Amino acid sequence: MSSIELAAEAIAMHNVKLRCLLLRMIDPEDLGHAVSEEVRELISQALVRPRKEDE
């Protein structure tokens, strides 16, 4: 693998870990019990990707 591919893989893995943490923070049966409703709503909105019209 080239250094660019290794860097891209590292970034992708970091993004996966961040997304997993955010999903845990909005799950009321996991970390969500320790996070306010306002924060859970902000995280939920940030995780939703708008659909492209051509999809």
PDB file of N, CA and C in Angstrom:
ATOM      1  N   MET A   1       0.840  -1.195   0.000  1.00  0.00           N
ATOM      2  CA  MET A   1       0.000   0.000   0.000  1.00  0.00           C
ATOM      3  C   MET A   1       0.878   1.249   0.000  1.00  0.00           C
ATOM      4  N   SER A   2       0.419   2.237  -0.719  1.00  0.00           N
ATOM      5  CA  SER A   2       1.164   3.493  -0.739  1.00  0.00           C
ATOM      6  C   SER A   2       0.873   4.289   0.533  1.00  0.00           C
ATOM      7  N   SER A   3       1.669   5.301   0.772  1.00  0.00           N
ATOM      8  CA  SER A   3       1.463   6.134   1.964  1.00  0.00           C
ATOM      9  C   SER A   3       0.119   6.859   1.897  1.00  0.00           C
ATOM     10  N   ILE A   4      -0.319   7.201   0.701  1.00  0.00           N
ATOM     11  CA  ILE A   4      -1.627   7.864   0.557  1.00  0.00           C
ATOM     12  C   ILE A   4      -2.747   6.892   0.910  1.00  0.00           C
ATOM     13  N   GLU A   5      -2.620   5.654   0.463  1.00  0.00           N
ATOM     14  CA  GLU A   5      -3.638   4.651   0.788  1.00  0.00           C
ATOM     15  C   GLU A   5      -3.666   4.363   2.284  1.00  0.00           C
ATOM     16  N   LEU A   6      -2.493   4.297   2.905  1.00  0.00           N
ATOM     17  CA  LEU A   6      -2.436   4.080   4.355  1.00  0.00           C
ATOM     18  C   LEU A   6      -3.071   5.243   5.115  1.00  0.00           C
ATOM     19  N   ALA A   7      -2.798   6.458   4.673  1.00  0.00           N
ATOM     20  CA  ALA A   7      -3.388   7.631   5.315  1.00  0.00           C
ATOM     21  C   ALA A   7      -4.895   7.631   5.140  1.00  0.00           C
ATOM     22  N   ALA A   8      -5.367   7.298   3.948  1.00  0.00           N
ATOM     23  CA  ALA A   8      -6.812   7.246   3.689  1.00  0.00           C
ATOM     24  C   ALA A   8      -7.476   6.183   4.560  1.00  0.00           C
ATOM     25  N   GLU A   9      -6.829   5.041   4.705  1.00  0.00           N
ATOM     26  CA  GLU A   9      -7.381   3.981   5.554  1.00  0.00           C
ATOM     27  C   GLU A   9      -7.423   4.419   7.014  1.00  0.00           C
ATOM     28  N   ALA A  10      -6.385   5.095   7.478  1.00  0.00           N
ATOM     29  CA  ALA A  10      -6.352   5.582   8.859  1.00  0.00           C
ATOM     30  C   ALA A  10      -7.466   6.595   9.094  1.00  0.00           C
ATOM     31  N   ILE A  11      -7.679   7.477   8.144  1.00  0.00           N
ATOM     32  CA  ILE A  11      -8.752   8.474   8.272  1.00  0.00           C
ATOM     33  C   ILE A  11     -10.106   7.786   8.280  1.00  0.00           C
ATOM     34  N   ALA A  12     -10.289   6.810   7.406  1.00  0.00           N
ATOM     35  CA  ALA A  12     -11.556   6.081   7.350  1.00  0.00           C
ATOM     36  C   ALA A  12     -11.833   5.363   8.669  1.00  0.00           C
ATOM     37  N   MET A  13     -10.828   4.718   9.232  1.00  0.00           N
ATOM     38  CA  MET A  13     -11.017   4.017  10.511  1.00  0.00           C
ATOM     39  C   MET A  13     -11.335   5.000  11.636  1.00  0.00           C
ATOM     40  N   HIS A  14     -10.677   6.150  11.625  1.00  0.00           N
ATOM     41  CA  HIS A  14     -10.955   7.179  12.624  1.00  0.00           C
ATOM     42  C   HIS A  14     -12.407   7.643  12.500  1.00  0.00           C
ATOM     43  N   ASN A  15     -12.871   7.844  11.275  1.00  0.00           N
ATOM     44  CA  ASN A  15     -14.252   8.273  11.054  1.00  0.00           C
ATOM     45  C   ASN A  15     -15.252   7.225  11.526  1.00  0.00           C
ATOM     46  N   VAL A  16     -14.934   5.957  11.304  1.00  0.00           N
ATOM     47  CA  VAL A  16     -15.809   4.873  11.760  1.00  0.00           C
ATOM     48  C   VAL A  16     -15.896   4.886  13.285  1.00  0.00           C
ATOM     49  N   LYS A  17     -14.767   5.059  13.951  1.00  0.00           N
ATOM     50  CA  LYS A  17     -14.761   5.095  15.422  1.00  0.00           C
ATOM     51  C   LYS A  17     -15.556   6.284  15.951  1.00  0.00           C
ATOM     52  N   LEU A  18     -15.405   7.446  15.301  1.00  0.00           N
ATOM     53  CA  LEU A  18     -16.174   8.619  15.730  1.00  0.00           C
ATOM     54  C   LEU A  18     -17.663   8.394  15.544  1.00  0.00           C
ATOM     55  N   ARG A  19     -18.044   7.823  14.402  1.00  0.00           N
ATOM     56  CA  ARG A  19     -19.467   7.570  14.146  1.00  0.00           C
ATOM     57  C   ARG A  19     -20.037   6.584  15.165  1.00  0.00           C
ATOM     58  N   CYS A  20     -19.270   5.553  15.492  1.00  0.00           N
ATOM     59  CA  CYS A  20     -19.712   4.583  16.498  1.00  0.00           C
ATOM     60  C   CYS A  20     -19.928   5.254  17.855  1.00  0.00           C
ATOM     61  N   LEU A  21     -18.999   6.123  18.230  1.00  0.00           N
ATOM     62  CA  LEU A  21     -19.145   6.842  19.496  1.00  0.00           C
ATOM     63  C   LEU A  21     -20.395   7.717  19.474  1.00  0.00           C
ATOM     64  N   LEU A  22     -20.610   8.438  18.388  1.00  0.00           N
ATOM     65  CA  LEU A  22     -21.798   9.296  18.294  1.00  0.00           C
ATOM     66  C   LEU A  22     -23.080   8.474  18.349  1.00  0.00           C
ATOM     67  N   LEU A  23     -23.097   7.334  17.694  1.00  0.00           N
ATOM     68  CA  LEU A  23     -24.278   6.469  17.751  1.00  0.00           C
ATOM     69  C   LEU A  23     -24.516   5.970  19.171  1.00  0.00           C
ATOM     70  N   ARG A  24     -23.453   5.653  19.895  1.00  0.00           N
ATOM     71  CA  ARG A  24     -23.597   5.233  21.294  1.00  0.00           C
ATOM     72  C   ARG A  24     -24.156   6.367  22.148  1.00  0.00           C
ATOM     73  N   MET A  25     -23.772   7.614  21.812  1.00  0.00           N
ATOM     74  CA  MET A  25     -24.221   8.772  22.595  1.00  0.00           C
ATOM     75  C   MET A  25     -25.707   9.064  22.405  1.00  0.00           C
ATOM     76  N   ILE A  26     -26.295   8.623  21.301  1.00  0.00           N
ATOM     77  CA  ILE A  26     -27.729   8.859  21.115  1.00  0.00           C
ATOM     78  C   ILE A  26     -28.572   7.653  21.500  1.00  0.00           C
ATOM     79  N   ASP A  27     -27.927   6.551  21.828  1.00  0.00           N
ATOM     80  CA  ASP A  27     -28.641   5.345  22.253  1.00  0.00           C
ATOM     81  C   ASP A  27     -28.941   5.446  23.749  1.00  0.00           C
ATOM     82  N   PRO A  28     -30.219   5.571  24.117  1.00  0.00           N
ATOM     83  CA  PRO A  28     -30.559   5.736  25.539  1.00  0.00           C
ATOM     84  C   PRO A  28     -30.192   4.525  26.407  1.00  0.00           C
ATOM     85  N   GLU A  29     -29.970   3.385  25.804  1.00  0.00           N
ATOM     86  CA  GLU A  29     -29.595   2.210  26.580  1.00  0.00           C
ATOM     87  C   GLU A  29     -28.077   2.030  26.654  1.00  0.00           C
ATOM     88  N   ASP A  30     -27.350   2.962  26.059  1.00  0.00           N
ATOM     89  CA  ASP A  30     -25.885   2.913  26.112  1.00  0.00           C
ATOM     90  C   ASP A  30     -25.423   4.201  26.792  1.00  0.00           C
ATOM     91  N   LEU A  31     -24.717   5.054  26.106  1.00  0.00           N
ATOM     92  CA  LEU A  31     -24.227   6.303  26.697  1.00  0.00           C
ATOM     93  C   LEU A  31     -25.277   7.407  26.689  1.00  0.00           C
ATOM     94  N   GLY A  32     -26.339   7.217  25.942  1.00  0.00           N
ATOM     95  CA  GLY A  32     -27.348   8.252  25.795  1.00  0.00           C
ATOM     96  C   GLY A  32     -28.000   8.697  27.092  1.00  0.00           C
ATOM     97  N   HIS A  33     -28.009   7.844  28.107  1.00  0.00           N
ATOM     98  CA  HIS A  33     -28.610   8.226  29.391  1.00  0.00           C
ATOM     99  C   HIS A  33     -27.833   9.361  30.054  1.00  0.00           C
ATOM    100  N   ALA A  34     -26.568   9.537  29.668  1.00  0.00           N
ATOM    101  CA  ALA A  34     -25.727  10.564  30.275  1.00  0.00           C
ATOM    102  C   ALA A  34     -25.635  11.826  29.415  1.00  0.00           C
ATOM    103  N   VAL A  35     -26.395  11.851  28.319  1.00  0.00           N
ATOM    104  CA  VAL A  35     -26.341  12.966  27.374  1.00  0.00           C
ATOM    105  C   VAL A  35     -27.718  13.621  27.327  1.00  0.00           C
ATOM    106  N   SER A  36     -27.741  14.947  27.317  1.00  0.00           N
ATOM    107  CA  SER A  36     -29.028  15.641  27.299  1.00  0.00           C
ATOM    108  C   SER A  36     -29.760  15.407  25.983  1.00  0.00           C
ATOM    109  N   GLU A  37     -31.069  15.579  26.010  1.00  0.00           N
ATOM    110  CA  GLU A  37     -31.893  15.422  24.816  1.00  0.00           C
ATOM    111  C   GLU A  37     -31.436  16.383  23.717  1.00  0.00           C
ATOM    112  N   GLU A  38     -31.069  17.588  24.093  1.00  0.00           N
ATOM    113  CA  GLU A  38     -30.615  18.580  23.116  1.00  0.00           C
ATOM    114  C   GLU A  38     -29.365  18.086  22.382  1.00  0.00           C
ATOM    115  N   VAL A  39     -28.425  17.531  23.117  1.00  0.00           N
ATOM    116  CA  VAL A  39     -27.199  17.022  22.506  1.00  0.00           C
ATOM    117  C   VAL A  39     -27.507  15.812  21.635  1.00  0.00           C
ATOM    118  N   ARG A  40     -28.371  14.923  22.099  1.00  0.00           N
ATOM    119  CA  ARG A  40     -28.748  13.759  21.289  1.00  0.00           C
ATOM    120  C   ARG A  40     -29.384  14.198  19.972  1.00  0.00           C
ATOM    121  N   GLU A  41     -30.220  15.229  20.017  1.00  0.00           N
ATOM    122  CA  GLU A  41     -30.863  15.740  18.808  1.00  0.00           C
ATOM    123  C   GLU A  41     -29.828  16.330  17.843  1.00  0.00           C
ATOM    124  N   LEU A  42     -28.883  17.098  18.365  1.00  0.00           N
ATOM    125  CA  LEU A  42     -27.834  17.671  17.518  1.00  0.00           C
ATOM    126  C   LEU A  42     -26.999  16.579  16.850  1.00  0.00           C
ATOM    127  N   ILE A  43     -26.668  15.540  17.612  1.00  0.00           N
ATOM    128  CA  ILE A  43     -25.899  14.432  17.051  1.00  0.00           C
ATOM    129  C   ILE A  43     -26.714  13.727  15.976  1.00  0.00           C
ATOM    130  N   SER A  44     -27.982  13.476  16.249  1.00  0.00           N
ATOM    131  CA  SER A  44     -28.837  12.810  15.265  1.00  0.00           C
ATOM    132  C   SER A  44     -28.893  13.595  13.968  1.00  0.00           C
ATOM    133  N   GLN A  45     -29.049  14.902  14.076  1.00  0.00           N
ATOM    134  CA  GLN A  45     -29.098  15.748  12.879  1.00  0.00           C
ATOM    135  C   GLN A  45     -27.772  15.715  12.131  1.00  0.00           C
ATOM    136  N   ALA A  46     -26.673  15.703  12.847  1.00  0.00           N
ATOM    137  CA  ALA A  46     -25.358  15.698  12.208  1.00  0.00           C
ATOM    138  C   ALA A  46     -25.077  14.373  11.490  1.00  0.00           C
ATOM    139  N   LEU A  47     -25.641  13.280  11.997  1.00  0.00           N
ATOM    140  CA  LEU A  47     -25.401  11.974  11.396  1.00  0.00           C
ATOM    141  C   LEU A  47     -26.251  11.721  10.160  1.00  0.00           C
ATOM    142  N   VAL A  48     -27.327  12.464  10.007  1.00  0.00           N
ATOM    143  CA  VAL A  48     -28.207  12.270   8.852  1.00  0.00           C
ATOM    144  C   VAL A  48     -27.629  13.013   7.661  1.00  0.00           C
ATOM    145  N   ARG A  49     -27.414  12.286   6.597  1.00  0.00           N
ATOM    146  CA  ARG A  49     -26.897  12.899   5.377  1.00  0.00           C
ATOM    147  C   ARG A  49     -28.069  13.186   4.447  1.00  0.00           C
ATOM    148  N   PRO A  50     -28.148  14.407   3.938  1.00  0.00           N
ATOM    149  CA  PRO A  50     -29.233  14.696   2.994  1.00  0.00           C
ATOM    150  C   PRO A  50     -29.076  13.863   1.730  1.00  0.00           C
ATOM    151  N   ARG A  51     -30.202  13.409   1.202  1.00  0.00           N
ATOM    152  CA  ARG A  51     -30.169  12.609  -0.028  1.00  0.00           C
ATOM    153  C   ARG A  51     -29.971  13.512  -1.231  1.00  0.00           C
ATOM    154  N   LYS A  52     -29.191  13.009  -2.169  1.00  0.00           N
ATOM    155  CA  LYS A  52     -29.034  13.730  -3.423  1.00  0.00           C
ATOM    156  C   LYS A  52     -30.294  13.486  -4.253  1.00  0.00           C
ATOM    157  N   GLU A  53     -30.686  14.487  -5.005  1.00  0.00           N
ATOM    158  CA  GLU A  53     -31.913  14.363  -5.799  1.00  0.00           C
ATOM    159  C   GLU A  53     -31.823  13.283  -6.855  1.00  0.00           C
ATOM    160  N   ASP A  54     -30.618  12.957  -7.336  1.00  0.00           N
ATOM    161  CA  ASP A  54     -30.465  11.977  -8.395  1.00  0.00           C
ATOM    162  C   ASP A  54     -30.435  10.538  -7.871  1.00  0.00           C
ATOM    163  N   GLU A  55     -30.518  10.331  -6.564  1.00  0.00           N
ATOM    164  CA  GLU A  55     -30.488   8.979  -6.004  1.00  0.00           C
ATOM    165  C   GLU A  55     -31.875   8.415  -5.879  1.00  0.00           C
TER     166      GLU A  55
END
